[in-house]
Amino acid sequence: MAIKGNKLTAIHPNLNYHITLNPLTENSFYSKEPSFGELDFTLNAAETITGFKLSGQNLKDLVFKKII
């Protein structure tokens, strides 16, 4: 994930593939790319991002956890 041109962008480092994400809510974003539909950030009690869930064309709530 990165901020590109004031937009949250998902980047695949091996494929140099950039997907712009648009806000749905404060912690949810969507893309017009079918393979990368919706991303929902997960937060802990201190409201720190701990990871996210990704849903798209062929997947539902794939969990990514932040490694510290």
Protein backbone atom coordinates (compact mmCIF):
# COMPACT_ATOMS: atom_id res chain seq x y z
CA MET A 1 0.00 0.00 0.00
CA ALA A 2 1.15 3.51 -0.79
CA ILE A 3 -0.23 7.00 -1.30
CA LYS A 4 0.09 8.00 -4.97
CA GLY A 5 -1.34 11.32 -6.14
CA ASN A 6 -3.27 11.71 -2.85
CA LYS A 7 -4.99 8.30 -3.38
CA LEU A 8 -4.49 5.00 -1.56
CA THR A 9 -2.87 2.62 -4.02
CA ALA A 10 -2.26 -1.12 -3.83
CA ILE A 11 1.00 -2.10 -5.50
CA HIS A 12 2.11 -5.56 -6.58
CA PRO A 13 5.92 -5.24 -6.40
CA ASN A 14 6.75 -8.16 -8.71
CA LEU A 15 4.32 -7.19 -11.46
CA ASN A 16 4.60 -3.38 -11.12
CA TYR A 17 0.78 -3.36 -11.00
CA HIS A 18 -0.87 -0.34 -9.36
CA ILE A 19 -4.54 -0.33 -8.28
CA THR A 20 -6.15 2.92 -7.14
CA LEU A 21 -8.50 2.50 -4.18
CA ASN A 22 -11.48 4.78 -3.60
CA PRO A 23 -13.00 5.41 -0.15
CA LEU A 24 -16.27 3.72 0.84
CA THR A 25 -16.10 4.52 4.56
CA GLU A 26 -13.33 5.66 6.90
CA ASN A 27 -11.81 2.15 6.97
CA SER A 28 -13.08 0.62 3.71
CA PHE A 29 -11.98 1.16 0.15
CA TYR A 30 -12.98 -0.25 -3.24
CA SER A 31 -11.44 -0.62 -6.65
CA LYS A 32 -13.01 -0.85 -10.07
CA GLU A 33 -10.64 -3.76 -10.78
CA PRO A 34 -12.68 -6.99 -10.45
CA SER A 35 -9.76 -8.92 -8.96
CA PHE A 36 -9.38 -6.34 -6.18
CA GLY A 37 -12.91 -5.35 -5.22
CA GLU A 38 -13.09 -4.19 -1.58
CA LEU A 39 -10.49 -3.70 1.14
CA ASP A 40 -11.53 -3.30 4.79
CA PHE A 41 -8.87 -2.29 7.29
CA THR A 42 -8.98 -4.05 10.69
CA LEU A 43 -8.12 -2.09 13.81
CA ASN A 44 -7.37 -2.93 17.43
CA ALA A 45 -8.85 -1.24 20.53
CA ALA A 46 -6.35 1.64 20.20
CA GLU A 47 -7.58 2.12 16.59
CA THR A 48 -4.23 1.11 15.12
CA ILE A 49 -4.35 -0.76 11.81
CA THR A 50 -3.61 -4.45 12.38
CA GLY A 51 -4.28 -5.64 8.83
CA PHE A 52 -7.07 -5.80 6.28
CA LYS A 53 -9.59 -8.10 4.62
CA LEU A 54 -9.72 -8.26 0.85
CA SER A 55 -12.69 -9.34 -1.26
CA GLY A 56 -12.86 -9.50 -5.03
CA GLN A 57 -14.06 -11.48 -8.01
CA ASN A 58 -12.86 -14.88 -6.79
CA LEU A 59 -12.23 -14.29 -3.10
CA LYS A 60 -14.09 -13.22 0.03
CA ASP A 61 -12.54 -11.78 3.20
CA LEU A 62 -8.96 -12.89 2.54
CA VAL A 63 -7.16 -11.79 5.72
CA PHE A 64 -3.82 -9.96 5.69
CA LYS A 65 -2.18 -9.34 9.07
CA LYS A 66 0.34 -6.60 9.76
CA ILE A 67 3.67 -8.06 10.81
CA ILE A 68 5.54 -5.97 13.32
